[in-house]
Amino acid sequence: MPPTDLHRASLVIDGLNASYFQDRAVLERIHQGGVTAVNATIAAWHAMPETITLLADWPDHFVQHADLIRPVRTPDDILAAKAEGRVGVILGFQDTRPLEDNARLVSVYHALGVRIIQLTYNERNRVGCGCLVADDDGLTEFGRAVIGEMNRYGVLVDLSHVGPRTTLDAIEASAQPVAITHANSRTRCPHPRNKTDEAIRAVAGRGGVVGAVAFPPLVTGRMDATLDDYLDTIEYLVQLVGVDHVGIGADFMENMPTEILQKALGGGREGPPPADVVNLFLATATQGFASAAAFPHVTEGLLRRRFSEDDIQQILGLNWLRLYRAVWR
């Protein structure tokens, strides 16, 4: 099948996109890329009141951009999005800070549509340690309670920015499969945001999925990368854990205002100076896969590398769909 036809026929799910979704141009590029559904980061370092405000904006957002997007609460909503030619938006958090000190808020956020929550965002919180903590002492008792509530209500546990020991503790603590929505192998690229092969194997061993991230420092360890570098990353993961456990988690941050990028890089506090932030994100677009609009290039590249059509469809989205079916309630 020609690459264009294969991409059009495939269910394409981006395991993590942290772009500025209030900008319609972002939604248009995701739609242009043939993406069926996207795990959209809507909160991270935010406390509960601010998170509720962010969530309250989304019903109107879905109405205003109904020609491009629709909400996703169930796996069948993703299939509906494909049939409608719209992008299904999965609401997700990149930290458990919105829970504050109350694990029972998982049920509230689930009722409001949240289906994926990352345990930590780089640093230490009430749940455990992030990947930038020098001495990761593992999952806390509160963290175990949070995972229990996430399992109970069907919210997918995301371990992407989580520290090494907390990651392994969380995999063991969860009664459901978990995900690394956007990280690569530390063996190929020794960056603290990447995961050990032990952790990747452990996620796959419980039925989970790892989404290959396209951010160049996590692909090559440099400030630049190409589509071929990214495809090398996917191939490594497939060789490591098998095609059934690998997906795409591009981690685009398109059209993000500089002040929000500063907070993202600073864990919610003031991050690098604005000029440094702009230079960093201007310098790190992966050549050939610099935007959600370029998703068809991944399909074409995998075909060029002689992946079968069935395997490509698994990587593009069917693996994520299978995981959501296993976890979501």
Protein backbone atom coordinates (compact mmCIF):
# COMPACT_ATOMS: atom_id res chain seq x y z
CA MET A 1 0.00 0.00 0.00
CA PRO A 2 1.40 3.49 -0.79
CA PRO A 3 2.51 5.42 2.32
CA THR A 4 -0.22 8.05 1.95
CA ASP A 5 -2.95 5.41 1.74
CA LEU A 6 -1.54 3.45 4.68
CA HIS A 7 -1.38 6.55 6.84
CA ARG A 8 -4.92 7.56 5.90
CA ALA A 9 -6.19 4.06 6.70
CA SER A 10 -4.38 3.81 10.04
CA LEU A 11 -5.54 4.72 13.51
CA VAL A 12 -2.90 7.28 14.55
CA ILE A 13 -2.55 8.12 18.24
CA ASP A 14 -0.01 10.55 19.67
CA GLY A 15 0.78 9.31 23.18
CA LEU A 16 1.66 12.83 24.38
CA ASN A 17 1.34 16.31 22.97
CA ALA A 18 2.00 19.33 25.20
CA SER A 19 1.25 22.08 22.68
CA TYR A 20 -0.77 25.25 23.25
CA PHE A 21 -4.18 23.85 22.37
CA GLN A 22 -5.91 27.20 22.79
CA ASP A 23 -4.34 28.16 19.44
CA ARG A 24 -6.46 26.83 16.58
CA ALA A 25 -3.36 26.59 14.38
CA VAL A 26 -2.10 23.80 16.67
CA LEU A 27 -5.33 21.85 16.20
CA GLU A 28 -5.16 22.37 12.46
CA ARG A 29 -1.64 20.93 12.27
CA ILE A 30 -2.63 17.87 14.32
CA HIS A 31 -5.59 17.34 12.02
CA GLN A 32 -3.41 17.90 8.95
CA GLY A 33 -1.07 15.16 10.21
CA GLY A 34 -3.87 12.61 10.11
CA VAL A 35 -3.82 12.12 13.88
CA THR A 36 -6.87 10.23 15.14
CA ALA A 37 -6.40 10.96 18.84
CA VAL A 38 -3.94 12.76 21.08
CA ASN A 39 -3.11 12.66 24.79
CA ALA A 40 -3.29 16.41 25.40
CA THR A 41 -1.48 17.83 28.42
CA ILE A 42 -3.86 20.23 30.14
CA ALA A 43 -2.20 20.44 33.57
CA ALA A 44 1.13 19.65 35.22
CA TRP A 45 2.45 21.74 38.09
CA HIS A 46 -0.96 23.34 38.64
CA ALA A 47 -2.77 23.22 41.98
CA MET A 48 -6.34 22.00 42.18
CA PRO A 49 -8.19 25.35 41.76
CA GLU A 50 -6.20 26.30 38.65
CA THR A 51 -6.60 22.80 37.23
CA ILE A 52 -10.38 22.97 37.61
CA THR A 53 -10.35 26.29 35.77
CA LEU A 54 -8.31 24.75 32.94
CA LEU A 55 -10.73 21.83 32.71
CA ALA A 56 -13.69 24.21 32.70
CA ASP A 57 -12.42 25.79 29.47
CA TRP A 58 -12.57 22.56 27.48
CA PRO A 59 -16.34 22.14 26.91
CA ASP A 60 -16.43 25.50 25.11
CA HIS A 61 -13.20 24.62 23.31
CA PHE A 62 -14.79 21.46 21.93
CA VAL A 63 -17.80 23.47 20.74
CA GLN A 64 -15.73 26.26 19.15
CA HIS A 65 -13.53 23.81 17.23
CA ALA A 66 -16.07 21.04 16.65
CA ASP A 67 -15.01 20.79 13.00
CA LEU A 68 -11.54 19.64 14.12
CA ILE A 69 -11.78 17.98 17.55
CA ARG A 70 -14.04 15.92 19.78
CA PRO A 71 -13.68 14.70 23.39
CA VAL A 72 -12.48 11.18 24.19
CA ARG A 73 -13.64 9.38 27.31
CA THR A 74 -13.75 5.80 25.99
CA PRO A 75 -11.77 3.79 23.43
CA ASP A 76 -14.86 3.76 21.21
CA ASP A 77 -14.70 7.58 21.11
CA ILE A 78 -11.35 7.19 19.34
CA LEU A 79 -12.95 4.99 16.70
CA ALA A 80 -15.72 7.56 16.35
CA ALA A 81 -13.14 10.31 15.85
CA LYS A 82 -11.59 8.29 13.03
CA ALA A 83 -14.97 7.78 11.37
CA GLU A 84 -15.79 11.49 11.69
CA GLY A 85 -12.44 12.71 10.40
CA ARG A 86 -11.83 14.65 13.60
CA VAL A 87 -9.09 14.50 16.23
CA GLY A 88 -10.10 12.85 19.49
CA VAL A 89 -8.69 14.73 22.48
CA ILE A 90 -7.75 12.72 25.57
CA LEU A 91 -7.39 14.98 28.60
CA GLY A 92 -4.21 14.27 30.55
CA PHE A 93 -2.04 15.60 33.38
CA GLN A 94 1.76 15.57 33.53
CA ASP A 95 1.91 15.62 37.31
CA THR A 96 -0.18 14.57 40.31
CA ARG A 97 0.04 18.02 41.88
CA PRO A 98 -3.58 18.74 40.87
CA LEU A 99 -4.53 16.06 43.44
CA GLU A 100 -2.83 18.05 46.21
CA ASP A 101 -3.00 15.71 49.24
CA ASN A 102 -6.26 13.96 48.35
CA ALA A 103 -6.04 10.75 46.32
CA ARG A 104 -9.84 10.67 46.10
CA LEU A 105 -9.70 13.59 43.67
CA VAL A 106 -8.75 11.00 41.03
CA SER A 107 -12.45 10.11 40.84
CA VAL A 108 -13.40 13.77 40.39
CA TYR A 109 -10.94 14.33 37.59
CA HIS A 110 -12.02 11.07 35.97
CA ALA A 111 -15.63 12.28 36.06
CA LEU A 112 -14.46 15.46 34.30
CA GLY A 113 -12.85 13.44 31.51
CA VAL A 114 -9.22 12.98 32.56
CA ARG A 115 -7.92 9.59 31.44
CA ILE A 116 -4.11 9.76 31.80
CA ILE A 117 -2.03 11.11 34.70
CA GLN A 118 1.77 11.19 34.95
CA LEU A 119 2.95 10.62 38.51
CA THR A 120 5.70 13.25 38.71
CA TYR A 121 7.03 16.07 36.58
CA ASN A 122 10.85 15.87 36.95
CA GLU A 123 10.94 16.76 40.64
CA ARG A 124 9.86 15.29 43.97
CA ASN A 125 6.19 15.52 44.92
CA ARG A 126 3.85 13.77 47.37
CA VAL A 127 3.76 10.65 45.17
CA GLY A 128 7.47 10.09 44.62
CA CYS A 129 10.51 11.36 42.76
CA GLY A 130 10.96 12.77 39.29
CA CYS A 131 13.78 11.98 36.92
CA LEU A 132 15.84 15.04 37.92
CA VAL A 133 15.95 14.14 41.64
CA ALA A 134 19.50 13.10 42.52
CA ASP A 135 18.48 10.53 45.16
CA ASP A 136 15.24 8.82 44.17
CA ASP A 137 13.90 7.10 47.29
CA GLY A 138 10.88 5.62 45.54
CA LEU A 139 7.11 5.65 45.63
CA THR A 140 5.51 7.04 48.79
CA GLU A 141 2.55 5.57 50.65
CA PHE A 142 0.47 8.40 49.23
CA GLY A 143 1.76 7.41 45.80
CA ARG A 144 0.52 3.87 46.33
CA ALA A 145 -2.88 5.23 47.33
CA VAL A 146 -2.98 7.39 44.18
CA ILE A 147 -2.13 4.44 41.95
CA GLY A 148 -4.81 2.41 43.71
CA GLU A 149 -7.39 5.09 42.92
CA MET A 150 -6.18 5.38 39.32
CA ASN A 151 -6.55 1.61 38.91
CA ARG A 152 -9.98 1.72 40.52
CA TYR A 153 -11.36 4.42 38.24
CA GLY A 154 -9.51 3.51 35.07
CA VAL A 155 -6.96 6.29 34.72
CA LEU A 156 -3.75 5.30 32.93
CA VAL A 157 -0.55 5.66 34.99
CA ASP A 158 2.13 7.53 33.02
CA LEU A 159 5.78 7.20 34.13
CA SER A 160 7.55 9.38 31.55
CA HIS A 161 9.15 12.01 33.82
CA VAL A 162 9.37 9.71 36.84
CA GLY A 163 12.64 8.80 38.57
CA PRO A 164 14.22 5.33 38.17
CA ARG A 165 13.27 3.81 41.51
CA THR A 166 9.83 5.43 41.63
CA THR A 167 9.23 4.10 38.11
CA LEU A 168 9.98 0.50 39.10
CA ASP A 169 7.98 0.84 42.34
CA ALA A 170 4.98 2.17 40.40
CA ILE A 171 5.07 -0.65 37.85
CA GLU A 172 5.04 -3.13 40.70
CA ALA A 173 2.33 -1.30 42.64
CA SER A 174 -0.11 -0.97 39.75
CA ALA A 175 -2.68 -3.72 39.24
CA GLN A 176 -3.14 -2.46 35.67
CA PRO A 177 -0.65 -2.01 32.81
CA VAL A 178 1.13 1.35 32.83
CA ALA A 179 2.67 3.57 30.17
CA ILE A 180 5.77 5.55 29.39
CA THR A 181 3.98 7.93 27.06
CA HIS A 182 6.99 9.96 25.94
CA ALA A 183 10.54 8.79 26.65
CA ASN A 184 13.29 6.79 24.95
CA SER A 185 15.96 4.32 26.02
CA ARG A 186 18.76 5.62 28.23
CA THR A 187 21.03 2.99 26.67
CA ARG A 188 20.79 4.70 23.27
CA CYS A 189 20.72 8.23 24.66
CA PRO A 190 21.93 8.68 28.27
CA HIS A 191 19.64 11.54 29.25
CA PRO A 192 18.00 11.59 32.72
CA ARG A 193 14.58 11.95 31.10
CA ASN A 194 15.05 8.66 29.27
CA LYS A 195 14.34 5.24 30.78
CA THR A 196 16.56 2.31 31.61
CA ASP A 197 16.05 -0.78 29.50
CA GLU A 198 15.08 -2.53 32.74
CA ALA A 199 12.16 -0.13 33.22
CA ILE A 200 11.08 -0.39 29.58
CA ARG A 201 11.09 -4.17 29.77
CA ALA A 202 9.14 -4.04 33.03
CA VAL A 203 6.44 -1.83 31.49
CA ALA A 204 6.16 -4.13 28.47
CA GLY A 205 6.16 -7.21 30.69
CA ARG A 206 2.97 -5.98 32.37
CA GLY A 207 1.29 -5.23 29.02
CA GLY A 208 2.18 -1.54 28.84
CA VAL A 209 3.39 0.67 26.00
CA VAL A 210 6.31 3.07 25.60
CA GLY A 211 5.91 6.08 23.30
CA ALA A 212 9.04 7.15 21.44
CA VAL A 213 9.63 10.87 22.00
CA ALA A 214 10.89 13.12 19.18
CA PHE A 215 12.58 15.84 21.29
CA PRO A 216 16.19 15.83 19.95
CA PRO A 217 18.07 15.87 23.29
CA LEU A 218 16.25 12.60 24.11
CA VAL A 219 16.85 11.14 20.65
CA THR A 220 20.50 11.96 19.97
CA GLY A 221 21.70 13.72 23.12
CA ARG A 222 22.31 16.78 20.96
CA MET A 223 20.29 19.85 20.08
CA ASP A 224 19.45 18.40 16.68
CA ALA A 225 18.03 15.18 15.27
CA THR A 226 16.62 13.86 12.02
CA LEU A 227 13.69 11.66 11.15
CA ASP A 228 16.15 8.81 10.62
CA ASP A 229 17.48 9.30 14.15
CA TYR A 230 13.92 9.07 15.41
CA LEU A 231 13.24 5.94 13.39
CA ASP A 232 16.43 4.43 14.85
CA THR A 233 14.91 5.06 18.29
CA ILE A 234 11.70 3.27 17.34
CA GLU A 235 13.65 0.34 15.90
CA TYR A 236 15.68 0.00 19.10
CA LEU A 237 12.53 -0.11 21.23
CA VAL A 238 10.93 -2.69 18.95
CA GLN A 239 14.05 -4.86 19.19
CA LEU A 240 14.05 -4.43 22.97
CA VAL A 241 10.44 -5.27 23.83
CA GLY A 242 8.64 -6.22 20.62
CA VAL A 243 6.41 -4.29 18.27
CA ASP A 244 3.30 -4.76 20.47
CA HIS A 245 4.69 -2.43 23.15
CA VAL A 246 5.93 0.54 21.12
CA GLY A 247 4.01 3.66 20.11
CA ILE A 248 4.53 7.31 19.26
CA GLY A 249 4.72 9.96 21.99
CA ALA A 250 6.15 12.91 20.11
CA ASP A 251 5.91 15.49 22.95
CA PHE A 252 5.42 18.46 20.64
CA MET A 253 5.16 21.87 22.33
CA GLU A 254 3.89 23.86 19.38
CA ASN A 255 2.98 27.55 19.67
CA MET A 256 3.61 27.49 23.42
CA PRO A 257 3.91 31.00 24.90
CA THR A 258 7.37 31.66 26.31
CA GLU A 259 6.09 32.28 29.84
CA ILE A 260 4.46 28.84 29.91
CA LEU A 261 7.62 27.22 28.52
CA GLN A 262 9.57 28.85 31.34
CA LYS A 263 7.23 27.28 33.89
CA ALA A 264 7.39 23.92 32.14
CA LEU A 265 11.18 23.90 32.23
CA GLY A 266 11.17 25.15 35.81
CA GLY A 267 8.66 22.66 37.17
CA GLY A 268 6.08 25.38 37.73
CA ARG A 269 8.57 27.88 39.11
CA GLU A 270 10.46 30.46 37.11
CA GLY A 271 12.67 28.64 34.62
CA PRO A 272 15.44 29.82 32.28
CA PRO A 273 15.42 33.39 30.91
CA PRO A 274 12.91 33.92 28.05
CA ALA A 275 15.64 34.29 25.40
CA ASP A 276 17.18 30.96 26.41
CA VAL A 277 13.80 29.25 26.23
CA VAL A 278 13.13 30.60 22.73
CA ASN A 279 16.57 29.58 21.50
CA LEU A 280 16.23 26.11 22.98
CA PHE A 281 12.93 25.36 21.29
CA LEU A 282 13.89 26.97 17.99
CA ALA A 283 17.01 24.78 17.91
CA THR A 284 15.36 21.46 18.67
CA ALA A 285 12.82 20.67 15.96
CA THR A 286 13.54 17.17 14.64
CA GLN A 287 14.21 17.51 10.94
CA GLY A 288 11.45 15.67 9.09
CA PHE A 289 9.27 15.37 12.19
CA ALA A 290 9.16 18.89 13.54
CA SER A 291 5.40 19.20 13.84
CA ALA A 292 2.28 17.11 14.28
CA ALA A 293 1.55 17.90 10.64
CA ALA A 294 4.52 15.68 9.72
CA PHE A 295 3.12 12.44 11.16
CA PRO A 296 2.83 10.94 7.64
CA HIS A 297 6.63 11.10 7.39
CA VAL A 298 6.86 8.53 10.21
CA THR A 299 4.62 6.14 8.31
CA GLU A 300 6.65 6.62 5.15
CA GLY A 301 9.91 6.12 7.04
CA LEU A 302 8.76 2.90 8.70
CA LEU A 303 7.69 1.53 5.32
CA ARG A 304 11.06 2.47 3.91
CA ARG A 305 12.67 0.46 6.69
CA ARG A 306 10.60 -2.56 5.68
CA PHE A 307 8.30 -2.71 8.64
CA SER A 308 5.17 -4.62 7.69
CA GLU A 309 1.93 -2.69 7.28
CA ASP A 310 0.47 -4.52 10.28
CA ASP A 311 3.44 -3.60 12.47
CA ILE A 312 3.29 0.02 11.35
CA GLN A 313 -0.37 0.23 12.30
CA GLN A 314 0.47 -1.21 15.73
CA ILE A 315 3.12 1.46 16.29
CA LEU A 316 1.02 4.30 14.90
CA GLY A 317 -1.91 3.72 17.21
CA LEU A 318 -3.29 0.23 17.73
CA ASN A 319 -0.95 -0.45 20.66
CA TRP A 320 -2.20 2.66 22.47
CA LEU A 321 -5.81 1.68 21.73
CA ARG A 322 -5.24 -1.79 23.16
CA LEU A 323 -3.76 -0.31 26.32
CA TYR A 324 -6.62 2.15 26.76
CA ARG A 325 -9.10 -0.71 26.38
CA ALA A 326 -7.25 -2.62 29.10
CA VAL A 327 -7.13 0.26 31.60
CA TRP A 328 -9.96 2.77 31.06
CA ARG A 329 -13.29 2.30 32.82
